[in-house]
Structures are given as structure tokens and as C-alpha cells.
Amino acid sequence: MIGSLDVVVLDCPDPDALAAFYTELLGLTVLSAEDDWVEIGGPTDARPLIAFQKVDSYRAPEWPGQVVPQQLHFDVKVDDLDAGEQQVLAIGAVATGSGGETYRVYLDPAGHPFCLINPVD
């Protein structure tokens, strides 16, 4: 092993707003915040963290198009897709109408795609 994953960083126009969305979605807390950078994580010093970096000229990914590719997305495992959908819409996600029997695709408030998944194990 060369190293270990420490932080996943998402570009966005408003780090505080996007951190608030993901803390609600994932049950994490804000660990540190500056004007242009916010880190969230669990209650311990466990890694990796998720960070949100302010980019003044930010352009939201275009999904499913590729003019501005998504580059990365989260798969968030839930027990019930319908209940999970209601919860993410209530905190600011946008439904894309895409998905299948075991997953659905949404956009976070900055336009990054993410999926709710309920895999058949």
C-alpha cells in the first residue's frame, strides 16, 4: 500500500451550505470551517473526511450529459428507497428521475449527482 484515503474534496460555490446538506444526509458533523473550506466527518478522528472547497467560477456537473462531467459521485446505502427519497428531497436534493430497482439518482444543492442505493445482498 502506498497510502490511505484521507479526505475527499468536492468543489462548490458555498462550502457551508453543501456541508450542511451532507451532514444531514450522512449523519456527520462539521469538524472545521473556514471561509472557503469546510470538513465533515464522524465523531472520532476516523478518516476519510469529506471537505467542501469554494470555487468562485464553479460550474455544476451536467448529468447525465458530459459537457461538464460528474467526475465523482457518492452511493448512499438506505433501507428503503421511497423513505430515503422523501428525506433527501426535504433537505434540498433534486430528483433526476433516473435509476432502477435498486438505486435512484439525485443532485445535491451544488449539482453533484449522488445515488441512494438499496442493493440486493
Foldseek 3Di string as FASTA:
>chain_A
DPDDAAEAEDEFAAQVLLVVLVCQLPVWDWPDDDRFKTWIDHPDNDDDIYMYGHDNPDDAADPPDVPRHLPDEEEAEDQDPVVSVVSSVVSAWAFPPDDDDFKGWIAHNRRRIYMYGHDDD
